[in-house]
Amino acid sequence: MHADFWQGRWARNDIGFHLDQVHPGLRRHWPRLKKLQEGATVLVPLCGKSLDLAWLAGEGFRVLGVELSQKAVETFFAEQQLEAEISQVGPFKVYRSGTLEIRCGDIFALGADDVSACQGIYDRAALIALPPLMRQRYAAHLSAILPAGCQQLLVTLDYEQAQMDGPPFAVGDAEVMALYAAEWQVERLEAKEVLATNPRMRERGLQRLEEHFHRLQRHA
């Protein structure tokens, strides 16, 4: 799961993880994040060219995406027909249009100053994109840099890991608790069987696939 792995996926357009619609679970569960006011900044890690970015911006939030692939970032702005202002902020090449900003670079280079205004996080495809040791590093990094009170909508997949190699990786409720419970209040919102609507996953050998939604709140 090093940088060249994801750069290669984007170069080959091997992006089965990308949805060609706004994630229904985002529409369904985002209102469960309490007291997240219009104009609040929302972090979207490993955002790709997700249509969820535009949806969040359309709901009145300031959106801060972080993405390793420059191709993904440029494709997002082109497909959304947005002209981006481009600048350099530390190690990141920054693309900005209105209330939408994507920083192209390594999520682990993101510091507390970069996310000091973040009140929300939307993680649909970041945690489950990472193998176990990187998941631990990623969760610890978010916990170290994000401000107290920050809320997160976390989407994970749960299946028998032995039946399929990731990514996406299986991340069950017990692992979510192990990764986050020390620094975040964790509440599972929904567990939904989704294998029937994911034929690619059936073809890869899965016999069960659940999508889980969690609301997390960073302790004060």
C-alpha atoms as a PDB file:
ATOM      1  CA  MET A   1       0.000   0.000   0.000  1.00  0.00           C
ATOM      2  CA  HIS A   2       2.882   2.358  -0.694  1.00  0.00           C
ATOM      3  CA  ALA A   3       2.413   5.494  -2.791  1.00  0.00           C
ATOM      4  CA  ASP A   4       3.333   3.774  -6.059  1.00  0.00           C
ATOM      5  CA  PHE A   5       0.554   1.208  -5.530  1.00  0.00           C
ATOM      6  CA  TRP A   6      -2.156   3.898  -5.573  1.00  0.00           C
ATOM      7  CA  GLN A   7      -0.447   5.957  -8.254  1.00  0.00           C
ATOM      8  CA  GLY A   8      -0.464   2.819 -10.422  1.00  0.00           C
ATOM      9  CA  ARG A   9      -4.161   2.191  -9.748  1.00  0.00           C
ATOM     10  CA  TRP A  10      -5.053   5.696 -10.900  1.00  0.00           C
ATOM     11  CA  ALA A  11      -2.691   5.540 -13.883  1.00  0.00           C
ATOM     12  CA  ARG A  12      -4.419   2.333 -15.063  1.00  0.00           C
ATOM     13  CA  ASN A  13      -7.854   3.726 -14.184  1.00  0.00           C
ATOM     14  CA  ASP A  14      -8.219   0.711 -11.884  1.00  0.00           C
ATOM     15  CA  ILE A  15     -10.556   2.547  -9.533  1.00  0.00           C
ATOM     16  CA  GLY A  16     -13.372   0.144  -8.730  1.00  0.00           C
ATOM     17  CA  PHE A  17     -13.601   1.864  -5.337  1.00  0.00           C
ATOM     18  CA  HIS A  18     -14.918   5.036  -6.997  1.00  0.00           C
ATOM     19  CA  LEU A  19     -18.689   5.510  -6.938  1.00  0.00           C
ATOM     20  CA  ASP A  20     -20.397   7.267  -9.832  1.00  0.00           C
ATOM     21  CA  GLN A  21     -22.958   8.728  -7.433  1.00  0.00           C
ATOM     22  CA  VAL A  22     -23.066  10.355  -4.025  1.00  0.00           C
ATOM     23  CA  HIS A  23     -22.875   7.600  -1.424  1.00  0.00           C
ATOM     24  CA  PRO A  24     -26.426   6.926  -0.183  1.00  0.00           C
ATOM     25  CA  GLY A  25     -25.084   6.347   3.319  1.00  0.00           C
ATOM     26  CA  LEU A  26     -23.629   9.854   3.376  1.00  0.00           C
ATOM     27  CA  ARG A  27     -27.024  11.379   2.654  1.00  0.00           C
ATOM     28  CA  ARG A  28     -28.636   9.069   5.215  1.00  0.00           C
ATOM     29  CA  HIS A  29     -26.233   9.450   8.115  1.00  0.00           C
ATOM     30  CA  TRP A  30     -24.488  12.814   7.770  1.00  0.00           C
ATOM     31  CA  PRO A  31     -27.350  14.558   9.639  1.00  0.00           C
ATOM     32  CA  ARG A  32     -26.497  12.313  12.634  1.00  0.00           C
ATOM     33  CA  LEU A  33     -23.382  14.394  13.254  1.00  0.00           C
ATOM     34  CA  LYS A  34     -24.639  16.696  15.986  1.00  0.00           C
ATOM     35  CA  LYS A  35     -24.431  20.490  15.897  1.00  0.00           C
ATOM     36  CA  LEU A  36     -22.275  20.533  12.776  1.00  0.00           C
ATOM     37  CA  GLN A  37     -23.168  23.966  11.488  1.00  0.00           C
ATOM     38  CA  GLU A  38     -23.225  25.307   7.946  1.00  0.00           C
ATOM     39  CA  GLY A  39     -19.797  26.653   7.047  1.00  0.00           C
ATOM     40  CA  ALA A  40     -17.941  24.136   9.214  1.00  0.00           C
ATOM     41  CA  THR A  41     -14.797  22.591   7.710  1.00  0.00           C
ATOM     42  CA  VAL A  42     -15.001  18.875   6.859  1.00  0.00           C
ATOM     43  CA  LEU A  43     -11.906  16.743   6.270  1.00  0.00           C
ATOM     44  CA  VAL A  44     -12.199  13.998   3.627  1.00  0.00           C
ATOM     45  CA  PRO A  45      -9.052  11.835   3.758  1.00  0.00           C
ATOM     46  CA  LEU A  46      -7.946   9.809   0.700  1.00  0.00           C
ATOM     47  CA  CYS A  47     -10.794  11.459  -1.171  1.00  0.00           C
ATOM     48  CA  GLY A  48      -9.984  10.464  -4.772  1.00  0.00           C
ATOM     49  CA  LYS A  49     -12.424  12.170  -7.128  1.00  0.00           C
ATOM     50  CA  SER A  50     -15.442  11.333  -4.987  1.00  0.00           C
ATOM     51  CA  LEU A  51     -18.742  13.016  -5.793  1.00  0.00           C
ATOM     52  CA  ASP A  52     -19.255  13.176  -2.036  1.00  0.00           C
ATOM     53  CA  LEU A  53     -16.908  16.172  -1.962  1.00  0.00           C
ATOM     54  CA  ALA A  54     -19.238  18.218  -4.147  1.00  0.00           C
ATOM     55  CA  TRP A  55     -22.272  17.065  -2.143  1.00  0.00           C
ATOM     56  CA  LEU A  56     -20.734  18.226   1.132  1.00  0.00           C
ATOM     57  CA  ALA A  57     -19.827  21.572  -0.418  1.00  0.00           C
ATOM     58  CA  GLY A  58     -23.374  21.864  -1.752  1.00  0.00           C
ATOM     59  CA  GLU A  59     -24.685  21.337   1.769  1.00  0.00           C
ATOM     60  CA  GLY A  60     -22.856  24.477   2.852  1.00  0.00           C
ATOM     61  CA  PHE A  61     -19.650  23.032   4.314  1.00  0.00           C
ATOM     62  CA  ARG A  62     -16.058  23.969   3.627  1.00  0.00           C
ATOM     63  CA  VAL A  63     -14.418  20.807   2.308  1.00  0.00           C
ATOM     64  CA  LEU A  64     -10.772  19.862   2.804  1.00  0.00           C
ATOM     65  CA  GLY A  65      -9.863  16.753   0.818  1.00  0.00           C
ATOM     66  CA  VAL A  66      -6.492  15.017   0.938  1.00  0.00           C
ATOM     67  CA  GLU A  67      -5.457  12.795  -1.961  1.00  0.00           C
ATOM     68  CA  LEU A  68      -2.153  11.244  -3.036  1.00  0.00           C
ATOM     69  CA  SER A  69      -2.886  11.071  -6.764  1.00  0.00           C
ATOM     70  CA  GLN A  70      -2.575  14.282  -8.750  1.00  0.00           C
ATOM     71  CA  LYS A  71      -4.514  12.623 -11.576  1.00  0.00           C
ATOM     72  CA  ALA A  72      -7.442  12.025  -9.221  1.00  0.00           C
ATOM     73  CA  VAL A  73      -7.444  15.635  -8.054  1.00  0.00           C
ATOM     74  CA  GLU A  74      -7.235  17.108 -11.539  1.00  0.00           C
ATOM     75  CA  THR A  75      -9.920  14.731 -12.808  1.00  0.00           C
ATOM     76  CA  PHE A  76     -12.251  15.760  -9.980  1.00  0.00           C
ATOM     77  CA  PHE A  77     -12.075  19.449 -10.834  1.00  0.00           C
ATOM     78  CA  ALA A  78     -12.384  18.747 -14.575  1.00  0.00           C
ATOM     79  CA  GLU A  79     -15.442  16.519 -14.124  1.00  0.00           C
ATOM     80  CA  GLN A  80     -17.062  19.025 -11.796  1.00  0.00           C
ATOM     81  CA  GLN A  81     -16.312  21.769 -14.359  1.00  0.00           C
ATOM     82  CA  LEU A  82     -14.500  23.813 -11.721  1.00  0.00           C
ATOM     83  CA  GLU A  83     -11.439  25.924 -12.378  1.00  0.00           C
ATOM     84  CA  ALA A  84      -9.020  25.428  -9.520  1.00  0.00           C
ATOM     85  CA  GLU A  85      -6.560  27.931  -8.121  1.00  0.00           C
ATOM     86  CA  ILE A  86      -3.306  26.039  -7.576  1.00  0.00           C
ATOM     87  CA  SER A  87      -0.731  26.857  -4.913  1.00  0.00           C
ATOM     88  CA  GLN A  88       1.881  25.167  -2.734  1.00  0.00           C
ATOM     89  CA  VAL A  89       1.342  24.855   1.007  1.00  0.00           C
ATOM     90  CA  GLY A  90       4.228  23.059   2.681  1.00  0.00           C
ATOM     91  CA  PRO A  91       4.492  19.575   1.153  1.00  0.00           C
ATOM     92  CA  PHE A  92       1.066  19.816  -0.498  1.00  0.00           C
ATOM     93  CA  LYS A  93       0.038  21.006  -3.940  1.00  0.00           C
ATOM     94  CA  VAL A  94      -3.285  22.699  -3.184  1.00  0.00           C
ATOM     95  CA  TYR A  95      -6.237  22.917  -5.572  1.00  0.00           C
ATOM     96  CA  ARG A  96      -8.996  25.294  -4.483  1.00  0.00           C
ATOM     97  CA  SER A  97     -12.321  26.425  -5.909  1.00  0.00           C
ATOM     98  CA  GLY A  98     -14.708  28.295  -3.666  1.00  0.00           C
ATOM     99  CA  THR A  99     -15.305  26.284  -0.506  1.00  0.00           C
ATOM    100  CA  LEU A 100     -13.695  23.155  -2.019  1.00  0.00           C
ATOM    101  CA  GLU A 101     -10.020  22.467  -1.403  1.00  0.00           C
ATOM    102  CA  ILE A 102      -8.002  19.324  -2.122  1.00  0.00           C
ATOM    103  CA  ARG A 103      -4.435  18.946  -0.944  1.00  0.00           C
ATOM    104  CA  CYS A 104      -2.427  16.601  -3.120  1.00  0.00           C
ATOM    105  CA  GLY A 105       0.074  14.709  -1.022  1.00  0.00           C
ATOM    106  CA  ASP A 106       0.608  12.271   1.834  1.00  0.00           C
ATOM    107  CA  ILE A 107      -2.083  12.209   4.534  1.00  0.00           C
ATOM    108  CA  PHE A 108       0.650  11.593   7.110  1.00  0.00           C
ATOM    109  CA  ALA A 109       2.211  14.971   6.239  1.00  0.00           C
ATOM    110  CA  LEU A 110      -0.961  16.701   7.451  1.00  0.00           C
ATOM    111  CA  GLY A 111      -0.373  18.581  10.702  1.00  0.00           C
ATOM    112  CA  ALA A 112      -2.551  19.939  13.498  1.00  0.00           C
ATOM    113  CA  ASP A 113      -2.344  23.472  12.064  1.00  0.00           C
ATOM    114  CA  ASP A 114      -3.733  22.199   8.746  1.00  0.00           C
ATOM    115  CA  VAL A 115      -6.865  20.782  10.402  1.00  0.00           C
ATOM    116  CA  SER A 116      -7.332  23.130  13.355  1.00  0.00           C
ATOM    117  CA  ALA A 117     -10.622  24.403  11.868  1.00  0.00           C
ATOM    118  CA  CYS A 118     -12.029  20.931  11.111  1.00  0.00           C
ATOM    119  CA  GLN A 119     -15.254  20.130  12.913  1.00  0.00           C
ATOM    120  CA  GLY A 120     -16.176  17.076  10.847  1.00  0.00           C
ATOM    121  CA  ILE A 121     -14.539  14.159   9.027  1.00  0.00           C
ATOM    122  CA  TYR A 122     -16.008  11.912   6.376  1.00  0.00           C
ATOM    123  CA  ASP A 123     -14.082   8.655   5.895  1.00  0.00           C
ATOM    124  CA  ARG A 124     -15.672   6.328   3.352  1.00  0.00           C
ATOM    125  CA  ALA A 125     -12.629   4.833   1.678  1.00  0.00           C
ATOM    126  CA  ALA A 126      -9.539   5.767   3.706  1.00  0.00           C
ATOM    127  CA  LEU A 127      -9.376   3.375   6.663  1.00  0.00           C
ATOM    128  CA  ILE A 128     -10.485   0.367   4.620  1.00  0.00           C
ATOM    129  CA  ALA A 129      -7.887   1.160   1.937  1.00  0.00           C
ATOM    130  CA  LEU A 130      -5.033   0.498   4.379  1.00  0.00           C
ATOM    131  CA  PRO A 131      -3.511  -2.771   5.648  1.00  0.00           C
ATOM    132  CA  PRO A 132      -3.491  -3.422   9.418  1.00  0.00           C
ATOM    133  CA  LEU A 133      -0.302  -1.640  10.498  1.00  0.00           C
ATOM    134  CA  MET A 134      -1.080   1.387   8.357  1.00  0.00           C
ATOM    135  CA  ARG A 135      -4.613   1.490   9.797  1.00  0.00           C
ATOM    136  CA  GLN A 136      -3.109   1.780  13.269  1.00  0.00           C
ATOM    137  CA  ARG A 137      -0.766   4.541  12.132  1.00  0.00           C
ATOM    138  CA  TYR A 138      -3.572   6.360  10.310  1.00  0.00           C
ATOM    139  CA  ALA A 139      -6.026   6.281  13.243  1.00  0.00           C
ATOM    140  CA  ALA A 140      -3.298   7.395  15.654  1.00  0.00           C
ATOM    141  CA  HIS A 141      -2.350  10.242  13.304  1.00  0.00           C
ATOM    142  CA  LEU A 142      -5.932  11.531  13.069  1.00  0.00           C
ATOM    143  CA  SER A 143      -6.297  11.309  16.839  1.00  0.00           C
ATOM    144  CA  ALA A 144      -3.072  13.284  17.292  1.00  0.00           C
ATOM    145  CA  ILE A 145      -3.876  16.182  14.952  1.00  0.00           C
ATOM    146  CA  LEU A 146      -7.643  16.701  15.072  1.00  0.00           C
ATOM    147  CA  PRO A 147      -9.195  19.112  17.570  1.00  0.00           C
ATOM    148  CA  ALA A 148     -11.332  18.127  20.535  1.00  0.00           C
ATOM    149  CA  GLY A 149     -15.013  17.751  19.744  1.00  0.00           C
ATOM    150  CA  CYS A 150     -14.417  16.910  16.082  1.00  0.00           C
ATOM    151  CA  GLN A 151     -17.003  14.428  14.739  1.00  0.00           C
ATOM    152  CA  GLN A 152     -16.492  11.722  12.171  1.00  0.00           C
ATOM    153  CA  LEU A 153     -18.745   9.654   9.931  1.00  0.00           C
ATOM    154  CA  LEU A 154     -16.770   6.456   9.346  1.00  0.00           C
ATOM    155  CA  VAL A 155     -17.786   3.860   6.763  1.00  0.00           C
ATOM    156  CA  THR A 156     -16.203   0.388   6.917  1.00  0.00           C
ATOM    157  CA  LEU A 157     -16.683  -2.995   5.284  1.00  0.00           C
ATOM    158  CA  ASP A 158     -16.869  -6.259   7.186  1.00  0.00           C
ATOM    159  CA  TYR A 159     -16.312  -9.647   5.534  1.00  0.00           C
ATOM    160  CA  GLU A 160     -14.173 -12.758   5.954  1.00  0.00           C
ATOM    161  CA  GLN A 161     -10.706 -11.436   5.161  1.00  0.00           C
ATOM    162  CA  ALA A 162      -9.481 -14.925   4.206  1.00  0.00           C
ATOM    163  CA  GLN A 163     -11.941 -14.966   1.280  1.00  0.00           C
ATOM    164  CA  MET A 164     -10.436 -11.911  -0.448  1.00  0.00           C
ATOM    165  CA  ASP A 165      -7.263  -9.886  -0.449  1.00  0.00           C
ATOM    166  CA  GLY A 166      -7.707  -6.184   0.195  1.00  0.00           C
ATOM    167  CA  PRO A 167      -8.041  -3.427  -0.577  1.00  0.00           C
ATOM    168  CA  PRO A 168     -10.710  -2.778   0.442  1.00  0.00           C
ATOM    169  CA  PHE A 169      -9.846  -4.482   3.716  1.00  0.00           C
ATOM    170  CA  ALA A 170     -12.259  -5.898   6.261  1.00  0.00           C
ATOM    171  CA  VAL A 171     -12.553  -3.699   9.340  1.00  0.00           C
ATOM    172  CA  GLY A 172     -15.041  -5.013  11.877  1.00  0.00           C
ATOM    173  CA  ASP A 173     -16.587  -3.227  14.845  1.00  0.00           C
ATOM    174  CA  ALA A 174     -14.032  -4.652  17.285  1.00  0.00           C
ATOM    175  CA  GLU A 175     -11.178  -3.158  15.287  1.00  0.00           C
ATOM    176  CA  VAL A 176     -12.932   0.218  15.034  1.00  0.00           C
ATOM    177  CA  MET A 177     -13.174   0.214  18.827  1.00  0.00           C
ATOM    178  CA  ALA A 178      -9.543  -0.862  19.220  1.00  0.00           C
ATOM    179  CA  LEU A 179      -8.359   1.906  16.901  1.00  0.00           C
ATOM    180  CA  TYR A 180     -10.493   4.772  18.149  1.00  0.00           C
ATOM    181  CA  ALA A 181     -12.168   4.176  21.524  1.00  0.00           C
ATOM    182  CA  ALA A 182      -9.301   5.579  23.606  1.00  0.00           C
ATOM    183  CA  GLU A 183      -9.589   9.007  21.955  1.00  0.00           C
ATOM    184  CA  TRP A 184     -13.107   9.027  20.489  1.00  0.00           C
ATOM    185  CA  GLN A 185     -16.637   8.209  21.551  1.00  0.00           C
ATOM    186  CA  VAL A 186     -17.777   5.526  19.090  1.00  0.00           C
ATOM    187  CA  GLU A 187     -21.381   4.795  18.117  1.00  0.00           C
ATOM    188  CA  ARG A 188     -22.419   2.328  15.422  1.00  0.00           C
ATOM    189  CA  LEU A 189     -25.274   3.754  13.385  1.00  0.00           C
ATOM    190  CA  GLU A 190     -26.009   0.949  10.931  1.00  0.00           C
ATOM    191  CA  ALA A 191     -24.840  -2.429   9.642  1.00  0.00           C
ATOM    192  CA  LYS A 192     -26.152  -3.232   6.179  1.00  0.00           C
ATOM    193  CA  GLU A 193     -25.699  -6.347   4.016  1.00  0.00           C
ATOM    194  CA  VAL A 194     -24.516  -5.130   0.593  1.00  0.00           C
ATOM    195  CA  LEU A 195     -23.135  -8.198  -1.211  1.00  0.00           C
ATOM    196  CA  ALA A 196     -26.171  -8.412  -3.486  1.00  0.00           C
ATOM    197  CA  THR A 197     -25.404  -4.972  -4.903  1.00  0.00           C
ATOM    198  CA  ASN A 198     -21.653  -5.617  -5.278  1.00  0.00           C
ATOM    199  CA  PRO A 199     -21.172  -8.259  -7.992  1.00  0.00           C
ATOM    200  CA  ARG A 200     -17.437  -7.494  -8.218  1.00  0.00           C
ATOM    201  CA  MET A 201     -17.058  -8.579  -4.615  1.00  0.00           C
ATOM    202  CA  ARG A 202     -18.956 -11.809  -5.245  1.00  0.00           C
ATOM    203  CA  GLU A 203     -16.658 -12.497  -8.167  1.00  0.00           C
ATOM    204  CA  ARG A 204     -13.685 -12.069  -5.835  1.00  0.00           C
ATOM    205  CA  GLY A 205     -15.038 -14.850  -3.629  1.00  0.00           C
ATOM    206  CA  LEU A 206     -16.983 -13.146  -0.870  1.00  0.00           C
ATOM    207  CA  GLN A 207     -19.955 -14.897   0.690  1.00  0.00           C
ATOM    208  CA  ARG A 208     -20.842 -12.044   3.062  1.00  0.00           C
ATOM    209  CA  LEU A 209     -20.303  -8.303   2.876  1.00  0.00           C
ATOM    210  CA  GLU A 210     -21.598  -5.760   5.351  1.00  0.00           C
ATOM    211  CA  GLU A 211     -21.222  -1.991   5.244  1.00  0.00           C
ATOM    212  CA  HIS A 212     -20.990  -0.404   8.676  1.00  0.00           C
ATOM    213  CA  PHE A 213     -21.531   3.241   9.573  1.00  0.00           C
ATOM    214  CA  HIS A 214     -20.132   4.773  12.766  1.00  0.00           C
ATOM    215  CA  ARG A 215     -20.344   8.194  14.344  1.00  0.00           C
ATOM    216  CA  LEU A 216     -17.215   9.151  16.270  1.00  0.00           C
ATOM    217  CA  GLN A 217     -16.609  12.191  18.438  1.00  0.00           C
ATOM    218  CA  ARG A 218     -13.150  13.250  19.580  1.00  0.00           C
ATOM    219  CA  HIS A 219     -12.889  13.487  23.362  1.00  0.00           C
ATOM    220  CA  ALA A 220     -12.330  16.916  24.885  1.00  0.00           C
END
